[in-house]
N, C-alpha and C. Protein backbone atom coordinates (compact mmCIF):
# COMPACT_ATOMS: atom_id res chain seq x y z
N MET A 1 25.30 -15.87 26.75
CA MET A 1 23.97 -16.43 26.73
C MET A 1 23.25 -15.95 25.47
N ARG A 2 22.49 -16.84 24.88
CA ARG A 2 21.74 -16.55 23.66
C ARG A 2 20.57 -15.62 23.97
N LYS A 3 20.40 -14.61 23.17
CA LYS A 3 19.27 -13.71 23.32
C LYS A 3 18.07 -14.31 22.60
N ILE A 4 16.95 -14.33 23.27
CA ILE A 4 15.74 -14.91 22.70
C ILE A 4 14.98 -13.83 21.95
N ALA A 5 14.66 -14.12 20.70
CA ALA A 5 13.93 -13.16 19.87
C ALA A 5 12.48 -13.12 20.31
N LEU A 6 12.02 -11.93 20.68
CA LEU A 6 10.64 -11.79 21.14
C LEU A 6 9.64 -11.94 20.01
N ASN A 7 10.08 -11.70 18.78
CA ASN A 7 9.17 -11.78 17.63
C ASN A 7 9.33 -13.10 16.86
N ALA A 8 10.00 -14.08 17.46
CA ALA A 8 10.18 -15.37 16.81
C ALA A 8 8.85 -16.11 16.71
N ILE A 9 8.75 -16.96 15.72
CA ILE A 9 7.55 -17.79 15.58
C ILE A 9 7.56 -18.81 16.72
N ARG A 10 6.48 -18.87 17.45
CA ARG A 10 6.38 -19.76 18.61
C ARG A 10 5.70 -21.05 18.22
N GLN A 11 6.14 -22.15 18.83
CA GLN A 11 5.55 -23.46 18.62
C GLN A 11 4.98 -23.93 19.95
N PRO A 12 3.72 -24.32 19.98
CA PRO A 12 3.16 -24.82 21.24
C PRO A 12 3.87 -26.09 21.69
N ALA A 13 3.98 -26.26 23.00
CA ALA A 13 4.63 -27.44 23.56
C ALA A 13 3.91 -27.84 24.84
N ASN A 14 3.81 -29.12 25.06
CA ASN A 14 3.25 -29.63 26.31
C ASN A 14 4.41 -29.97 27.23
N LEU A 15 4.39 -29.39 28.43
CA LEU A 15 5.45 -29.63 29.40
C LEU A 15 4.86 -30.10 30.71
N SER A 16 5.56 -30.96 31.37
CA SER A 16 5.19 -31.36 32.73
C SER A 16 6.11 -30.64 33.68
N ILE A 17 5.52 -29.81 34.55
CA ILE A 17 6.29 -28.99 35.48
C ILE A 17 5.78 -29.24 36.88
N ASP A 18 6.69 -29.31 37.83
CA ASP A 18 6.33 -29.50 39.23
C ASP A 18 5.22 -28.52 39.62
N SER A 19 4.14 -29.04 40.18
CA SER A 19 2.97 -28.21 40.48
C SER A 19 3.27 -27.12 41.51
N ASN A 20 4.13 -27.41 42.48
CA ASN A 20 4.48 -26.37 43.46
C ASN A 20 5.28 -25.25 42.81
N LEU A 21 6.19 -25.63 41.93
CA LEU A 21 6.98 -24.63 41.21
C LEU A 21 6.08 -23.78 40.33
N MET A 22 5.14 -24.41 39.65
CA MET A 22 4.22 -23.69 38.78
C MET A 22 3.37 -22.72 39.58
N ARG A 23 2.87 -23.16 40.73
CA ARG A 23 2.05 -22.29 41.58
C ARG A 23 2.87 -21.09 42.05
N GLU A 24 4.11 -21.34 42.44
CA GLU A 24 4.99 -20.26 42.90
C GLU A 24 5.29 -19.28 41.77
N ALA A 25 5.57 -19.81 40.59
CA ALA A 25 5.86 -18.96 39.43
C ALA A 25 4.65 -18.07 39.11
N LYS A 26 3.48 -18.65 39.10
CA LYS A 26 2.28 -17.85 38.82
C LYS A 26 2.06 -16.80 39.89
N GLY A 27 2.32 -17.15 41.15
CA GLY A 27 2.17 -16.19 42.24
C GLY A 27 3.13 -15.03 42.13
N LEU A 28 4.25 -15.26 41.49
CA LEU A 28 5.26 -14.21 41.30
C LEU A 28 5.16 -13.54 39.93
N ASP A 29 4.10 -13.86 39.20
CA ASP A 29 3.89 -13.32 37.84
C ASP A 29 5.04 -13.61 36.90
N VAL A 30 5.64 -14.78 37.04
CA VAL A 30 6.70 -15.21 36.12
C VAL A 30 6.04 -15.67 34.83
N ASN A 31 6.55 -15.20 33.70
CA ASN A 31 6.07 -15.67 32.41
C ASN A 31 6.69 -17.05 32.19
N VAL A 32 5.90 -18.08 32.47
CA VAL A 32 6.41 -19.45 32.47
C VAL A 32 6.89 -19.86 31.08
N SER A 33 6.18 -19.46 30.06
CA SER A 33 6.61 -19.81 28.69
C SER A 33 7.98 -19.23 28.39
N ARG A 34 8.18 -17.96 28.72
CA ARG A 34 9.48 -17.32 28.45
C ARG A 34 10.58 -17.92 29.32
N ALA A 35 10.23 -18.23 30.57
CA ALA A 35 11.22 -18.83 31.46
C ALA A 35 11.63 -20.21 30.96
N ALA A 36 10.66 -20.99 30.50
CA ALA A 36 10.96 -22.31 29.95
C ALA A 36 11.81 -22.16 28.70
N GLU A 37 11.47 -21.22 27.85
CA GLU A 37 12.23 -20.99 26.63
C GLU A 37 13.68 -20.59 26.95
N ALA A 38 13.85 -19.73 27.95
CA ALA A 38 15.19 -19.32 28.34
C ALA A 38 15.99 -20.52 28.88
N GLY A 39 15.33 -21.36 29.66
CA GLY A 39 16.01 -22.55 30.18
C GLY A 39 16.39 -23.52 29.09
N ILE A 40 15.51 -23.70 28.13
CA ILE A 40 15.81 -24.60 27.01
C ILE A 40 16.95 -24.03 26.17
N ALA A 41 16.93 -22.71 25.94
CA ALA A 41 18.01 -22.08 25.18
C ALA A 41 19.35 -22.27 25.89
N GLU A 42 19.35 -22.15 27.20
CA GLU A 42 20.58 -22.36 27.97
C GLU A 42 21.05 -23.81 27.87
N ALA A 43 20.12 -24.75 27.95
CA ALA A 43 20.47 -26.17 27.83
C ALA A 43 21.02 -26.49 26.45
N VAL A 44 20.42 -25.91 25.41
CA VAL A 44 20.89 -26.13 24.04
C VAL A 44 22.31 -25.57 23.87
N ALA A 45 22.54 -24.37 24.39
CA ALA A 45 23.88 -23.76 24.28
C ALA A 45 24.92 -24.60 25.02
N ALA A 46 24.56 -25.10 26.20
CA ALA A 46 25.49 -25.94 26.97
C ALA A 46 25.81 -27.23 26.23
N GLU A 47 24.79 -27.84 25.63
CA GLU A 47 25.02 -29.09 24.89
C GLU A 47 25.86 -28.84 23.64
N LYS A 48 25.61 -27.73 22.94
CA LYS A 48 26.43 -27.39 21.77
C LYS A 48 27.89 -27.21 22.19
N GLY A 49 28.12 -26.55 23.32
CA GLY A 49 29.48 -26.36 23.82
C GLY A 49 30.14 -27.68 24.17
N ARG A 50 29.38 -28.57 24.83
CA ARG A 50 29.91 -29.88 25.18
C ARG A 50 30.28 -30.68 23.93
N LEU A 51 29.40 -30.65 22.93
CA LEU A 51 29.68 -31.38 21.68
C LEU A 51 30.86 -30.79 20.94
N TRP A 52 30.98 -29.45 20.93
CA TRP A 52 32.12 -28.80 20.27
C TRP A 52 33.42 -29.27 20.92
N LYS A 53 33.44 -29.31 22.25
CA LYS A 53 34.65 -29.75 22.95
C LYS A 53 34.99 -31.20 22.61
N LEU A 54 33.98 -32.06 22.52
CA LEU A 54 34.23 -33.45 22.15
C LEU A 54 34.77 -33.56 20.72
N GLU A 55 34.15 -32.82 19.81
CA GLU A 55 34.56 -32.87 18.40
C GLU A 55 35.95 -32.30 18.17
N ASN A 56 36.37 -31.37 19.01
CA ASN A 56 37.65 -30.69 18.80
C ASN A 56 38.71 -31.08 19.83
N ARG A 57 38.43 -32.10 20.60
CA ARG A 57 39.36 -32.51 21.66
C ARG A 57 40.73 -32.88 21.11
N THR A 58 40.77 -33.62 20.03
CA THR A 58 42.06 -34.04 19.46
C THR A 58 42.90 -32.84 19.08
N THR A 59 42.29 -31.86 18.44
CA THR A 59 43.01 -30.65 18.02
C THR A 59 43.48 -29.87 19.23
N MET A 60 42.62 -29.72 20.23
CA MET A 60 43.00 -28.96 21.43
C MET A 60 44.13 -29.67 22.19
N ASP A 61 44.04 -30.99 22.28
CA ASP A 61 45.11 -31.75 22.94
C ASP A 61 46.43 -31.60 22.19
N ALA A 62 46.36 -31.64 20.85
CA ALA A 62 47.58 -31.48 20.04
C ALA A 62 48.18 -30.09 20.25
N TRP A 63 47.34 -29.07 20.30
CA TRP A 63 47.82 -27.70 20.51
C TRP A 63 48.45 -27.58 21.90
N ASN A 64 47.81 -28.13 22.91
CA ASN A 64 48.37 -28.08 24.26
C ASN A 64 49.70 -28.81 24.34
N ASP A 65 49.82 -29.94 23.66
CA ASP A 65 51.10 -30.66 23.62
C ASP A 65 52.18 -29.82 22.96
N TYR A 66 51.80 -29.13 21.87
CA TYR A 66 52.76 -28.27 21.18
C TYR A 66 53.25 -27.17 22.12
N ILE A 67 52.33 -26.53 22.82
CA ILE A 67 52.70 -25.45 23.75
C ILE A 67 53.60 -25.99 24.86
N ASP A 68 53.28 -27.17 25.38
CA ASP A 68 54.11 -27.78 26.43
C ASP A 68 55.53 -28.03 25.95
N LYS A 69 55.68 -28.46 24.70
CA LYS A 69 56.99 -28.80 24.16
C LYS A 69 57.75 -27.58 23.63
N ASN A 70 57.04 -26.63 23.04
CA ASN A 70 57.69 -25.53 22.32
C ASN A 70 57.45 -24.15 22.92
N GLY A 71 56.55 -24.03 23.86
CA GLY A 71 56.20 -22.72 24.40
C GLY A 71 55.20 -22.02 23.49
N ILE A 72 54.81 -20.83 23.92
CA ILE A 72 53.83 -20.05 23.16
C ILE A 72 54.52 -19.39 21.97
N PRO A 73 53.94 -19.55 20.76
CA PRO A 73 54.55 -18.90 19.58
C PRO A 73 54.64 -17.39 19.78
N LEU A 74 55.75 -16.81 19.39
CA LEU A 74 56.00 -15.37 19.46
C LEU A 74 55.91 -14.82 20.88
N GLU A 75 56.19 -15.68 21.86
CA GLU A 75 56.07 -15.26 23.26
C GLU A 75 56.96 -14.07 23.59
N GLU A 76 58.09 -13.98 22.93
CA GLU A 76 58.99 -12.88 23.23
C GLU A 76 58.42 -11.51 22.87
N TYR A 77 57.38 -11.48 22.05
CA TYR A 77 56.76 -10.21 21.65
C TYR A 77 55.52 -9.85 22.47
N ARG A 78 55.15 -10.72 23.42
CA ARG A 78 53.96 -10.45 24.24
C ARG A 78 54.20 -9.25 25.13
N GLN A 79 53.18 -8.43 25.32
CA GLN A 79 53.26 -7.25 26.16
C GLN A 79 52.73 -7.50 27.57
N PHE A 80 52.34 -8.70 27.87
CA PHE A 80 51.77 -9.00 29.20
C PHE A 80 52.39 -10.25 29.79
């Protein structure tokens, strides 16, 4: 998970959040801005991972085909 820099320059944003969830968060003293930022950071990381997999699918498929046909390179030297 990406660590959020506490001293990063912040940009104001308007968000629409379920009113019951907002009331509950405030009642629990949740820092809504930080929680939203953490959620957005998680969503960005997940999307980057998804895009990386799409962009590299051909290479990964080729590597898996190679392993299926030829086995793991230098397998005889593995200690596990």
